[in-house]
PDB file of N, CA and C in Angstrom:
ATOM      1  N   MET A   1       0.477-115.225 -33.805  1.00  0.00           N
ATOM      2  CA  MET A   1       0.255-115.898 -35.089  1.00  0.00           C
ATOM      3  C   MET A   1       1.519-116.687 -35.422  1.00  0.00           C
ATOM      4  N   SER A   2       1.366-117.999 -35.484  1.00  0.00           N
ATOM      5  CA  SER A   2       2.559-118.804 -35.772  1.00  0.00           C
ATOM      6  C   SER A   2       2.523-119.298 -37.203  1.00  0.00           C
ATOM      7  N   LEU A   3       3.255-118.618 -38.041  1.00  0.00           N
ATOM      8  CA  LEU A   3       3.363-119.010 -39.444  1.00  0.00           C
ATOM      9  C   LEU A   3       4.797-119.402 -39.710  1.00  0.00           C
ATOM     10  N   LYS A   4       4.952-120.467 -40.465  1.00  0.00           N
ATOM     11  CA  LYS A   4       6.288-120.914 -40.845  1.00  0.00           C
ATOM     12  C   LYS A   4       6.479-120.630 -42.323  1.00  0.00           C
ATOM     13  N   THR A   5       7.695-120.295 -42.710  1.00  0.00           N
ATOM     14  CA  THR A   5       7.939-120.022 -44.120  1.00  0.00           C
ATOM     15  C   THR A   5       9.269-120.595 -44.563  1.00  0.00           C
ATOM     16  N   THR A   6       9.379-120.804 -45.855  1.00  0.00           N
ATOM     17  CA  THR A   6      10.628-121.247 -46.438  1.00  0.00           C
ATOM     18  C   THR A   6      10.742-120.686 -47.843  1.00  0.00           C
ATOM     19  N   LEU A   7      11.955-120.379 -48.241  1.00  0.00           N
ATOM     20  CA  LEU A   7      12.224-119.999 -49.630  1.00  0.00           C
ATOM     21  C   LEU A   7      12.613-121.275 -50.353  1.00  0.00           C
ATOM     22  N   LEU A   8      12.027-121.512 -51.507  1.00  0.00           N
ATOM     23  CA  LEU A   8      12.355-122.724 -52.253  1.00  0.00           C
ATOM     24  C   LEU A   8      13.646-122.506 -53.023  1.00  0.00           C
ATOM     25  N   GLU A   9      14.499-123.504 -52.958  1.00  0.00           N
ATOM     26  CA  GLU A   9      15.844-123.397 -53.532  1.00  0.00           C
ATOM     27  C   GLU A   9      15.857-123.115 -55.024  1.00  0.00           C
ATOM     28  N   GLY A  10      16.749-122.234 -55.422  1.00  0.00           N
ATOM     29  CA  GLY A  10      16.990-121.982 -56.830  1.00  0.00           C
ATOM     30  C   GLY A  10      15.969-121.087 -57.518  1.00  0.00           C
ATOM     31  N   LEU A  11      15.023-120.524 -56.747  1.00  0.00           N
ATOM     32  CA  LEU A  11      14.008-119.661 -57.348  1.00  0.00           C
ATOM     33  C   LEU A  11      14.166-118.236 -56.821  1.00  0.00           C
ATOM     34  N   ALA A  12      14.021-117.283 -57.714  1.00  0.00           N
ATOM     35  CA  ALA A  12      14.207-115.874 -57.344  1.00  0.00           C
ATOM     36  C   ALA A  12      12.995-115.351 -56.584  1.00  0.00           C
ATOM     37  N   PRO A  13      13.227-114.655 -55.458  1.00  0.00           N
ATOM     38  CA  PRO A  13      12.112-114.022 -54.738  1.00  0.00           C
ATOM     39  C   PRO A  13      11.485-112.913 -55.592  1.00  0.00           C
ATOM     40  N   ALA A  14      10.206-112.676 -55.369  1.00  0.00           N
ATOM     41  CA  ALA A  14       9.502-111.608 -56.079  1.00  0.00           C
ATOM     42  C   ALA A  14       9.969-110.254 -55.554  1.00  0.00           C
ATOM     43  N   LYS A  15       9.744-109.220 -56.341  1.00  0.00           N
ATOM     44  CA  LYS A  15      10.130-107.861 -55.938  1.00  0.00           C
ATOM     45  C   LYS A  15       9.445-107.445 -54.640  1.00  0.00           C
ATOM     46  N   PHE A  16       8.238-107.981 -54.399  1.00  0.00           N
ATOM     47  CA  PHE A  16       7.472-107.595 -53.198  1.00  0.00           C
ATOM     48  C   PHE A  16       7.758-108.485 -51.988  1.00  0.00           C
ATOM     49  N   ASP A  17       8.771-109.355 -52.071  1.00  0.00           N
ATOM     50  CA  ASP A  17       9.019-110.312 -50.984  1.00  0.00           C
ATOM     51  C   ASP A  17       9.307-109.637 -49.642  1.00  0.00           C
ATOM     52  N   LYS A  18      10.055-108.531 -49.671  1.00  0.00           N
ATOM     53  CA  LYS A  18      10.380-107.835 -48.418  1.00  0.00           C
ATOM     54  C   LYS A  18       9.127-107.304 -47.726  1.00  0.00           C
ATOM     55  N   GLN A  19       8.110-106.944 -48.499  1.00  0.00           N
ATOM     56  CA  GLN A  19       6.854-106.490 -47.907  1.00  0.00           C
ATOM     57  C   GLN A  19       6.170-107.640 -47.171  1.00  0.00           C
ATOM     58  N   ILE A  20       6.241-108.831 -47.754  1.00  0.00           N
ATOM     59  CA  ILE A  20       5.633-110.006 -47.116  1.00  0.00           C
ATOM     60  C   ILE A  20       6.332-110.297 -45.794  1.00  0.00           C
ATOM     61  N   THR A  21       7.664-110.374 -45.835  1.00  0.00           N
ATOM     62  CA  THR A  21       8.397-110.714 -44.616  1.00  0.00           C
ATOM     63  C   THR A  21       8.316-109.576 -43.588  1.00  0.00           C
ATOM     64  N   GLY A  22       8.085-108.364 -44.040  1.00  0.00           N
ATOM     65  CA  GLY A  22       7.935-107.237 -43.123  1.00  0.00           C
ATOM     66  C   GLY A  22       6.558-107.175 -42.478  1.00  0.00           C
ATOM     67  N   ASN A  23       5.526-107.609 -43.197  1.00  0.00           N
ATOM     68  CA  ASN A  23       4.150-107.493 -42.701  1.00  0.00           C
ATOM     69  C   ASN A  23       3.645-108.717 -41.955  1.00  0.00           C
ATOM     70  N   LEU A  24       4.211-109.874 -42.248  1.00  0.00           N
ATOM     71  CA  LEU A  24       3.767-111.105 -41.589  1.00  0.00           C
ATOM     72  C   LEU A  24       4.818-111.569 -40.595  1.00  0.00           C
ATOM     73  N   LEU A  25       4.359-112.068 -39.475  1.00  0.00           N
ATOM     74  CA  LEU A  25       5.269-112.629 -38.486  1.00  0.00           C
ATOM     75  C   LEU A  25       5.563-114.064 -38.910  1.00  0.00           C
ATOM     76  N   LEU A  26       6.749-114.264 -39.478  1.00  0.00           N
ATOM     77  CA  LEU A  26       7.096-115.568 -40.038  1.00  0.00           C
ATOM     78  C   LEU A  26       8.329-116.134 -39.362  1.00  0.00           C
ATOM     79  N   SER A  27       8.316-117.430 -39.110  1.00  0.00           N
ATOM     80  CA  SER A  27       9.551-118.056 -38.634  1.00  0.00           C
ATOM     81  C   SER A  27      10.109-118.899 -39.776  1.00  0.00           C
ATOM     82  N   GLU A  28      11.389-118.675 -40.078  1.00  0.00           N
ATOM     83  CA  GLU A  28      12.063-119.409 -41.165  1.00  0.00           C
ATOM     84  C   GLU A  28      12.279-120.855 -40.726  1.00  0.00           C
ATOM     85  N   GLU A  29      11.839-121.779 -41.578  1.00  0.00           N
ATOM     86  CA  GLU A  29      11.982-123.204 -41.284  1.00  0.00           C
ATOM     87  C   GLU A  29      12.418-123.927 -42.561  1.00  0.00           C
ATOM     88  N   PRO A  30      12.959-125.138 -42.432  1.00  0.00           N
ATOM     89  CA  PRO A  30      13.279-125.921 -43.629  1.00  0.00           C
ATOM     90  C   PRO A  30      11.991-126.270 -44.397  1.00  0.00           C
ATOM     91  N   ALA A  31      12.107-126.448 -45.705  1.00  0.00           N
ATOM     92  CA  ALA A  31      10.951-126.713 -46.567  1.00  0.00           C
ATOM     93  C   ALA A  31      10.119-127.905 -46.088  1.00  0.00           C
ATOM     94  N   ASP A  32      10.784-128.996 -45.653  1.00  0.00           N
ATOM     95  CA  ASP A  32      10.019-130.179 -45.246  1.00  0.00           C
ATOM     96  C   ASP A  32       9.173-129.916 -44.007  1.00  0.00           C
ATOM     97  N   VAL A  33       9.622-129.012 -43.126  1.00  0.00           N
ATOM     98  CA  VAL A  33       8.852-128.644 -41.927  1.00  0.00           C
ATOM     99  C   VAL A  33       7.619-127.828 -42.339  1.00  0.00           C
ATOM    100  N   VAL A  34       7.821-126.857 -43.228  1.00  0.00           N
ATOM    101  CA  VAL A  34       6.721-126.000 -43.674  1.00  0.00           C
ATOM    102  C   VAL A  34       5.662-126.826 -44.410  1.00  0.00           C
ATOM    103  N   ARG A  35       6.090-127.759 -45.235  1.00  0.00           N
ATOM    104  CA  ARG A  35       5.145-128.576 -46.014  1.00  0.00           C
ATOM    105  C   ARG A  35       4.249-129.449 -45.136  1.00  0.00           C
ATOM    106  N   LYS A  36       4.649-129.688 -43.882  1.00  0.00           N
ATOM    107  CA  LYS A  36       3.843-130.504 -42.964  1.00  0.00           C
ATOM    108  C   LYS A  36       2.714-129.704 -42.319  1.00  0.00           C
ATOM    109  N   GLU A  37       2.711-128.392 -42.469  1.00  0.00           N
ATOM    110  CA  GLU A  37       1.665-127.566 -41.862  1.00  0.00           C
ATOM    111  C   GLU A  37       0.309-127.882 -42.489  1.00  0.00           C
ATOM    112  N   LYS A  38      -0.748-127.630 -41.727  1.00  0.00           N
ATOM    113  CA  LYS A  38      -2.104-127.978 -42.165  1.00  0.00           C
ATOM    114  C   LYS A  38      -2.540-127.196 -43.408  1.00  0.00           C
ATOM    115  N   LEU A  39      -2.218-125.902 -43.449  1.00  0.00           N
ATOM    116  CA  LEU A  39      -2.625-125.033 -44.558  1.00  0.00           C
ATOM    117  C   LEU A  39      -1.398-124.380 -45.176  1.00  0.00           C
ATOM    118  N   LEU A  40      -1.337-124.391 -46.504  1.00  0.00           N
ATOM    119  CA  LEU A  40      -0.168-123.832 -47.199  1.00  0.00           C
ATOM    120  C   LEU A  40      -0.547-122.706 -48.142  1.00  0.00           C
ATOM    121  N   ILE A  41       0.246-121.655 -48.095  1.00  0.00           N
ATOM    122  CA  ILE A  41       0.098-120.530 -49.014  1.00  0.00           C
ATOM    123  C   ILE A  41       1.361-120.486 -49.869  1.00  0.00           C
ATOM    124  N   GLY A  42       1.184-120.468 -51.172  1.00  0.00           N
ATOM    125  CA  GLY A  42       2.314-120.330 -52.083  1.00  0.00           C
ATOM    126  C   GLY A  42       2.398-118.891 -52.557  1.00  0.00           C
ATOM    127  N   ILE A  43       3.619-118.400 -52.767  1.00  0.00           N
ATOM    128  CA  ILE A  43       3.823-117.050 -53.302  1.00  0.00           C
ATOM    129  C   ILE A  43       4.590-117.186 -54.614  1.00  0.00           C
ATOM    130  N   ARG A  44       4.027-116.620 -55.672  1.00  0.00           N
ATOM    131  CA  ARG A  44       4.662-116.701 -56.998  1.00  0.00           C
ATOM    132  C   ARG A  44       5.514-115.473 -57.259  1.00  0.00           C
ATOM    133  N   ASN A  45       6.632-115.701 -57.948  1.00  0.00           N
ATOM    134  CA  ASN A  45       7.471-114.575 -58.378  1.00  0.00           C
ATOM    135  C   ASN A  45       7.017-114.122 -59.770  1.00  0.00           C
ATOM    136  N   GLU A  46       7.712-113.146 -60.311  1.00  0.00           N
ATOM    137  CA  GLU A  46       7.350-112.580 -61.608  1.00  0.00           C
ATOM    138  C   GLU A  46       7.485-113.590 -62.750  1.00  0.00           C
ATOM    139  N   ASP A  47       8.269-114.666 -62.531  1.00  0.00           N
ATOM    140  CA  ASP A  47       8.422-115.709 -63.558  1.00  0.00           C
ATOM    141  C   ASP A  47       7.293-116.737 -63.498  1.00  0.00           C
ATOM    142  N   GLY A  48       6.420-116.594 -62.498  1.00  0.00           N
ATOM    143  CA  GLY A  48       5.311-117.539 -62.357  1.00  0.00           C
ATOM    144  C   GLY A  48       5.638-118.763 -61.527  1.00  0.00           C
ATOM    145  N   ASP A  49       6.819-118.763 -60.881  1.00  0.00           N
ATOM    146  CA  ASP A  49       7.210-119.894 -60.034  1.00  0.00           C
ATOM    147  C   ASP A  49       6.815-119.633 -58.588  1.00  0.00           C
ATOM    148  N   ILE A  50       6.349-120.672 -57.906  1.00  0.00           N
ATOM    149  CA  ILE A  50       6.126-120.554 -56.465  1.00  0.00           C
ATOM    150  C   ILE A  50       7.502-120.641 -55.817  1.00  0.00           C
ATOM    151  N   TYR A  51       7.942-119.538 -55.221  1.00  0.00           N
ATOM    152  CA  TYR A  51       9.294-119.472 -54.649  1.00  0.00           C
ATOM    153  C   TYR A  51       9.273-119.476 -53.124  1.00  0.00           C
ATOM    154  N   ARG A  52       8.129-119.149 -52.528  1.00  0.00           N
ATOM    155  CA  ARG A  52       8.015-119.120 -51.063  1.00  0.00           C
ATOM    156  C   ARG A  52       6.768-119.873 -50.649  1.00  0.00           C
ATOM    157  N   LEU A  53       6.899-120.665 -49.572  1.00  0.00           N
ATOM    158  CA  LEU A  53       5.745-121.331 -48.966  1.00  0.00           C
ATOM    159  C   LEU A  53       5.551-120.758 -47.576  1.00  0.00           C
ATOM    160  N   ILE A  54       4.295-120.537 -47.224  1.00  0.00           N
ATOM    161  CA  ILE A  54       3.952-120.104 -45.870  1.00  0.00           C
ATOM    162  C   ILE A  54       2.983-121.150 -45.333  1.00  0.00           C
ATOM    163  N   GLY A  55       3.318-121.711 -44.194  1.00  0.00           N
ATOM    164  CA  GLY A  55       2.482-122.751 -43.594  1.00  0.00           C
ATOM    165  C   GLY A  55       1.821-122.262 -42.325  1.00  0.00           C
ATOM    166  N   ALA A  56       0.543-122.608 -42.163  1.00  0.00           N
ATOM    167  CA  ALA A  56      -0.210-122.227 -40.968  1.00  0.00           C
ATOM    168  C   ALA A  56      -0.793-123.476 -40.325  1.00  0.00           C
ATOM    169  N   THR A  57      -0.727-123.535 -39.007  1.00  0.00           N
ATOM    170  CA  THR A  57      -1.281-124.662 -38.266  1.00  0.00           C
ATOM    171  C   THR A  57      -2.779-124.464 -38.062  1.00  0.00           C
ATOM    172  N   LYS A  58      -3.173-123.230 -37.758  1.00  0.00           N
ATOM    173  CA  LYS A  58      -4.574-122.939 -37.455  1.00  0.00           C
ATOM    174  C   LYS A  58      -5.232-122.162 -38.584  1.00  0.00           C
ATOM    175  N   HIS A  59      -6.514-122.423 -38.787  1.00  0.00           N
ATOM    176  CA  HIS A  59      -7.273-121.736 -39.836  1.00  0.00           C
ATOM    177  C   HIS A  59      -7.265-120.226 -39.599  1.00  0.00           C
ATOM    178  N   ASN A  60      -7.315-119.843 -38.327  1.00  0.00           N
ATOM    179  CA  ASN A  60      -7.292-118.427 -37.949  1.00  0.00           C
ATOM    180  C   ASN A  60      -6.019-117.723 -38.439  1.00  0.00           C
ATOM    181  N   SER A  61      -4.875-118.356 -38.205  1.00  0.00           N
ATOM    182  CA  SER A  61      -3.589-117.797 -38.646  1.00  0.00           C
ATOM    183  C   SER A  61      -3.546-117.709 -40.166  1.00  0.00           C
ATOM    184  N   PHE A  62      -4.075-118.745 -40.817  1.00  0.00           N
ATOM    185  CA  PHE A  62      -4.139-118.794 -42.279  1.00  0.00           C
ATOM    186  C   PHE A  62      -4.958-117.602 -42.806  1.00  0.00           C
ATOM    187  N   MET A  63      -6.131-117.379 -42.208  1.00  0.00           N
ATOM    188  CA  MET A  63      -6.998-116.286 -42.657  1.00  0.00           C
ATOM    189  C   MET A  63      -6.349-114.917 -42.403  1.00  0.00           C
ATOM    190  N   ASN A  64      -5.658-114.779 -41.274  1.00  0.00           N
ATOM    191  CA  ASN A  64      -4.943-113.522 -40.987  1.00  0.00           C
ATOM    192  C   ASN A  64      -3.859-113.269 -42.020  1.00  0.00           C
ATOM    193  N   ALA A  65      -3.140-114.320 -42.403  1.00  0.00           N
ATOM    194  CA  ALA A  65      -2.082-114.191 -43.407  1.00  0.00           C
ATOM    195  C   ALA A  65      -2.682-113.788 -44.755  1.00  0.00           C
ATOM    196  N   ILE A  66      -3.802-114.422 -45.126  1.00  0.00           N
ATOM    197  CA  ILE A  66      -4.494-114.117 -46.384  1.00  0.00           C
ATOM    198  C   ILE A  66      -4.880-112.626 -46.405  1.00  0.00           C
ATOM    199  N   GLU A  67      -5.433-112.164 -45.279  1.00  0.00           N
ATOM    200  CA  GLU A  67      -5.845-110.763 -45.172  1.00  0.00           C
ATOM    201  C   GLU A  67      -4.663-109.817 -45.384  1.00  0.00           C
ATOM    202  N   GLU A  68      -3.543-110.136 -44.743  1.00  0.00           N
ATOM    203  CA  GLU A  68      -2.332-109.310 -44.884  1.00  0.00           C
ATOM    204  C   GLU A  68      -1.854-109.283 -46.332  1.00  0.00           C
ATOM    205  N   LEU A  69      -1.897-110.432 -47.013  1.00  0.00           N
ATOM    206  CA  LEU A  69      -1.434-110.518 -48.395  1.00  0.00           C
ATOM    207  C   LEU A  69      -2.359-109.711 -49.312  1.00  0.00           C
ATOM    208  N   PHE A  70      -3.666-109.753 -49.041  1.00  0.00           N
ATOM    209  CA  PHE A  70      -4.596-108.914 -49.815  1.00  0.00           C
ATOM    210  C   PHE A  70      -4.302-107.437 -49.569  1.00  0.00           C
ATOM    211  N   ASP A  71      -3.962-107.084 -48.322  1.00  0.00           N
ATOM    212  CA  ASP A  71      -3.622-105.697 -47.981  1.00  0.00           C
ATOM    213  C   ASP A  71      -2.397-105.209 -48.745  1.00  0.00           C
ATOM    214  N   LEU A  72      -1.531-106.139 -49.159  1.00  0.00           N
ATOM    215  CA  LEU A  72      -0.342-105.796 -49.946  1.00  0.00           C
ATOM    216  C   LEU A  72      -0.665-105.732 -51.444  1.00  0.00           C
ATOM    217  N   ASP A  73      -1.970-105.791 -51.752  1.00  0.00           N
ATOM    218  CA  ASP A  73      -2.448-105.758 -53.146  1.00  0.00           C
ATOM    219  C   ASP A  73      -2.011-106.969 -53.956  1.00  0.00           C
ATOM    220  N   LEU A  74      -1.824-108.093 -53.270  1.00  0.00           N
ATOM    221  CA  LEU A  74      -1.510-109.328 -53.982  1.00  0.00           C
ATOM    222  C   LEU A  74      -2.826-110.029 -54.326  1.00  0.00           C
ATOM    223  N   VAL A  75      -2.769-110.900 -55.316  1.00  0.00           N
ATOM    224  CA  VAL A  75      -3.957-111.572 -55.826  1.00  0.00           C
ATOM    225  C   VAL A  75      -3.876-113.066 -55.524  1.00  0.00           C
ATOM    226  N   ASP A  76      -4.974-113.625 -55.004  1.00  0.00           N
ATOM    227  CA  ASP A  76      -5.038-115.070 -54.745  1.00  0.00           C
ATOM    228  C   ASP A  76      -5.692-115.749 -55.942  1.00  0.00           C
ATOM    229  N   GLU A  77      -4.897-116.482 -56.698  1.00  0.00           N
ATOM    230  CA  GLU A  77      -5.434-117.108 -57.909  1.00  0.00           C
ATOM    231  C   GLU A  77      -6.393-118.258 -57.611  1.00  0.00           C
ATOM    232  N   LEU A  78      -6.415-118.730 -56.366  1.00  0.00           N
ATOM    233  CA  LEU A  78      -7.317-119.828 -55.999  1.00  0.00           C
ATOM    234  C   LEU A  78      -8.568-119.337 -55.274  1.00  0.00           C
ATOM    235  N   GLN A  79      -8.749-118.033 -55.220  1.00  0.00           N
ATOM    236  CA  GLN A  79      -9.844-117.439 -54.453  1.00  0.00           C
ATOM    237  C   GLN A  79     -11.210-118.039 -54.805  1.00  0.00           C
ATOM    238  N   ASP A  80     -11.469-118.256 -56.087  1.00  0.00           N
ATOM    239  CA  ASP A  80     -12.779-118.753 -56.502  1.00  0.00           C
ATOM    240  C   ASP A  80     -12.786-120.231 -56.866  1.00  0.00           C
ATOM    241  N   THR A  81     -11.776-120.975 -56.386  1.00  0.00           N
ATOM    242  CA  THR A  81     -11.725-122.400 -56.703  1.00  0.00           C
ATOM    243  C   THR A  81     -11.788-123.229 -55.429  1.00  0.00           C
ATOM    244  N   GLU A  82     -12.274-124.431 -55.559  1.00  0.00           N
ATOM    245  CA  GLU A  82     -12.333-125.372 -54.436  1.00  0.00           C
ATOM    246  C   GLU A  82     -11.062-126.207 -54.417  1.00  0.00           C
ATOM    247  N   GLY A  83     -10.639-126.590 -53.239  1.00  0.00           N
ATOM    248  CA  GLY A  83      -9.505-127.505 -53.128  1.00  0.00           C
ATOM    249  C   GLY A  83      -8.158-126.812 -53.309  1.00  0.00           C
ATOM    250  N   THR A  84      -7.147-127.637 -53.490  1.00  0.00           N
ATOM    251  CA  THR A  84      -5.785-127.126 -53.550  1.00  0.00           C
ATOM    252  C   THR A  84      -5.239-127.236 -54.968  1.00  0.00           C
ATOM    253  N   ARG A  85      -4.203-126.472 -55.234  1.00  0.00           N
ATOM    254  CA  ARG A  85      -3.484-126.570 -56.497  1.00  0.00           C
ATOM    255  C   ARG A  85      -2.002-126.484 -56.182  1.00  0.00           C
ATOM    256  N   GLU A  86      -1.211-127.322 -56.835  1.00  0.00           N
ATOM    257  CA  GLU A  86       0.237-127.378 -56.600  1.00  0.00           C
ATOM    258  C   GLU A  86       0.537-127.532 -55.102  1.00  0.00           C
ATOM    259  N   GLY A  87      -0.368-128.232 -54.395  1.00  0.00           N
ATOM    260  CA  GLY A  87      -0.177-128.485 -52.971  1.00  0.00           C
ATOM    261  C   GLY A  87      -0.500-127.319 -52.063  1.00  0.00           C
ATOM    262  N   CYS A  88      -1.028-126.228 -52.609  1.00  0.00           N
ATOM    263  CA  CYS A  88      -1.293-125.025 -51.819  1.00  0.00           C
ATOM    264  C   CYS A  88      -2.792-124.755 -51.686  1.00  0.00           C
ATOM    265  N   ASP A  89      -3.171-124.198 -50.534  1.00  0.00           N
ATOM    266  CA  ASP A  89      -4.567-123.819 -50.288  1.00  0.00           C
ATOM    267  C   ASP A  89      -4.854-122.419 -50.836  1.00  0.00           C
ATOM    268  N   ALA A  90      -3.803-121.643 -51.040  1.00  0.00           N
ATOM    269  CA  ALA A  90      -3.902-120.312 -51.644  1.00  0.00           C
ATOM    270  C   ALA A  90      -2.590-120.047 -52.365  1.00  0.00           C
ATOM    271  N   ILE A  91      -2.649-119.345 -53.487  1.00  0.00           N
ATOM    272  CA  ILE A  91      -1.431-118.989 -54.217  1.00  0.00           C
ATOM    273  C   ILE A  91      -1.527-117.512 -54.569  1.00  0.00           C
ATOM    274  N   PHE A  92      -0.609-116.738 -54.000  1.00  0.00           N
ATOM    275  CA  PHE A  92      -0.614-115.291 -54.226  1.00  0.00           C
ATOM    276  C   PHE A  92       0.461-114.861 -55.191  1.00  0.00           C
ATOM    277  N   SER A  93       0.143-113.839 -55.959  1.00  0.00           N
ATOM    278  CA  SER A  93       1.126-113.227 -56.847  1.00  0.00           C
ATOM    279  C   SER A  93       0.811-111.747 -56.973  1.00  0.00           C
ATOM    280  N   GLY A  94       1.736-111.018 -57.552  1.00  0.00           N
ATOM    281  CA  GLY A  94       1.520-109.592 -57.758  1.00  0.00           C
ATOM    282  C   GLY A  94       0.450-109.362 -58.802  1.00  0.00           C
ATOM    283  N   ALA A  95      -0.277-108.257 -58.656  1.00  0.00           N
ATOM    284  CA  ALA A  95      -1.300-107.916 -59.654  1.00  0.00           C
ATOM    285  C   ALA A  95      -0.586-107.532 -60.947  1.00  0.00           C
ATOM    286  N   ASP A  96      -1.123-107.997 -62.066  1.00  0.00           N
ATOM    287  CA  ASP A  96      -0.491-107.690 -63.355  1.00  0.00           C
ATOM    288  C   ASP A  96      -0.648-106.229 -63.713  1.00  0.00           C
TER     289      ASP A  96
END
Protein backbone atom coordinates (compact mmCIF):
# COMPACT_ATOMS: atom_id res chain seq x y z
CA MET A 1 0.00 0.00 0.00
CA SER A 2 1.67 3.18 -1.13
CA LEU A 3 0.31 6.13 0.77
CA LYS A 4 2.05 9.46 1.01
CA THR A 5 1.55 11.83 3.90
CA THR A 6 2.55 15.27 5.04
CA LEU A 7 2.03 17.35 8.15
CA LEU A 8 0.81 20.83 7.30
CA GLU A 9 3.03 23.56 8.67
CA GLY A 10 2.07 25.42 11.80
CA LEU A 11 -0.80 23.12 12.79
CA ALA A 12 -0.82 20.91 15.88
CA PRO A 13 -1.20 17.15 15.32
CA ALA A 14 -4.23 15.50 16.92
CA LYS A 15 -3.81 13.41 20.06
CA PHE A 16 -4.51 10.28 17.98
CA ASP A 17 -1.86 11.07 15.32
CA LYS A 18 0.58 8.40 16.56
CA GLN A 19 -2.13 5.76 16.08
CA ILE A 20 -2.53 6.84 12.45
CA THR A 21 1.19 6.73 11.71
CA GLY A 22 1.47 3.43 13.59
CA ASN A 23 -1.42 1.71 11.78
CA LEU A 24 -0.94 2.98 8.23
CA LEU A 25 2.11 2.43 6.09
CA LEU A 26 2.90 6.02 5.17
CA SER A 27 5.84 7.60 3.43
CA GLU A 28 6.58 11.19 4.50
CA GLU A 29 6.63 13.53 1.51
CA PRO A 30 6.54 17.30 0.95
CA ALA A 31 3.01 18.80 0.87
CA ASP A 32 3.14 19.61 -2.86
CA VAL A 33 3.95 15.94 -3.67
CA VAL A 34 1.08 14.63 -1.51
CA ARG A 35 -1.40 17.11 -3.02
CA LYS A 36 -0.69 15.67 -6.50
CA GLU A 37 -2.03 12.23 -5.50
CA LYS A 38 -5.30 11.11 -7.08
CA LEU A 39 -7.21 10.73 -3.78
CA LEU A 40 -6.70 12.82 -0.64
CA ILE A 41 -7.65 12.17 2.95
CA GLY A 42 -7.54 15.06 5.41
CA ILE A 43 -7.12 14.53 9.16
CA ARG A 44 -8.50 17.18 11.52
CA ASN A 45 -7.05 18.00 14.91
CA GLU A 46 -9.04 18.94 18.01
CA ASP A 47 -9.09 22.60 16.85
CA GLY A 48 -10.91 21.59 13.67
CA ASP A 49 -7.92 22.23 11.39
CA ILE A 50 -6.80 19.76 8.74
CA TYR A 51 -3.22 19.20 9.90
CA ARG A 52 -2.30 16.02 7.99
CA LEU A 53 -2.91 14.99 4.38
CA ILE A 54 -2.73 11.40 3.21
CA GLY A 55 -2.55 10.84 -0.54
CA ALA A 56 -3.35 7.61 -2.38
CA THR A 57 -2.61 6.81 -6.01
CA LYS A 58 -4.98 3.84 -6.25
CA HIS A 59 -8.60 3.59 -5.14
CA ASN A 60 -7.73 0.30 -3.43
CA SER A 61 -5.08 1.95 -1.22
CA PHE A 62 -7.51 4.78 -0.47
CA MET A 63 -10.21 2.32 0.65
CA ASN A 64 -7.71 0.38 2.80
CA ALA A 65 -6.65 3.62 4.49
CA ILE A 66 -10.31 4.59 5.09
CA GLU A 67 -10.92 1.17 6.67
CA GLU A 68 -7.92 1.57 8.99
CA LEU A 69 -9.07 5.06 10.05
CA PHE A 70 -12.56 3.72 10.84
CA ASP A 71 -10.89 0.94 12.87
CA LEU A 72 -9.26 3.71 14.95
CA ASP A 73 -12.79 4.97 15.74
CA LEU A 74 -12.30 8.09 13.65
CA VAL A 75 -15.25 9.67 11.85
CA ASP A 76 -15.37 10.60 8.15
CA GLU A 77 -17.36 13.81 7.90
CA LEU A 78 -17.73 13.37 4.13
CA GLN A 79 -19.08 9.82 4.35
CA ASP A 80 -22.59 10.77 3.20
CA THR A 81 -21.65 13.56 0.79
CA GLU A 82 -20.74 13.56 -2.89
CA GLY A 83 -17.57 15.15 -4.17
CA THR A 84 -14.73 16.76 -2.29
CA ARG A 85 -14.49 19.39 0.42
CA GLU A 86 -11.43 21.51 1.20
CA GLY A 87 -9.69 19.54 -1.57
CA CYS A 88 -10.15 16.20 0.21
CA ASP A 89 -12.07 13.07 -0.78
CA ALA A 90 -12.45 12.14 2.91
CA ILE A 91 -11.90 14.12 6.11
CA PHE A 92 -11.40 12.24 9.36
CA SER A 93 -11.52 13.49 12.90
CA GLY A 94 -11.88 12.08 16.38
CA ALA A 95 -15.36 11.17 17.58
CA ASP A 96 -16.76 13.88 19.84
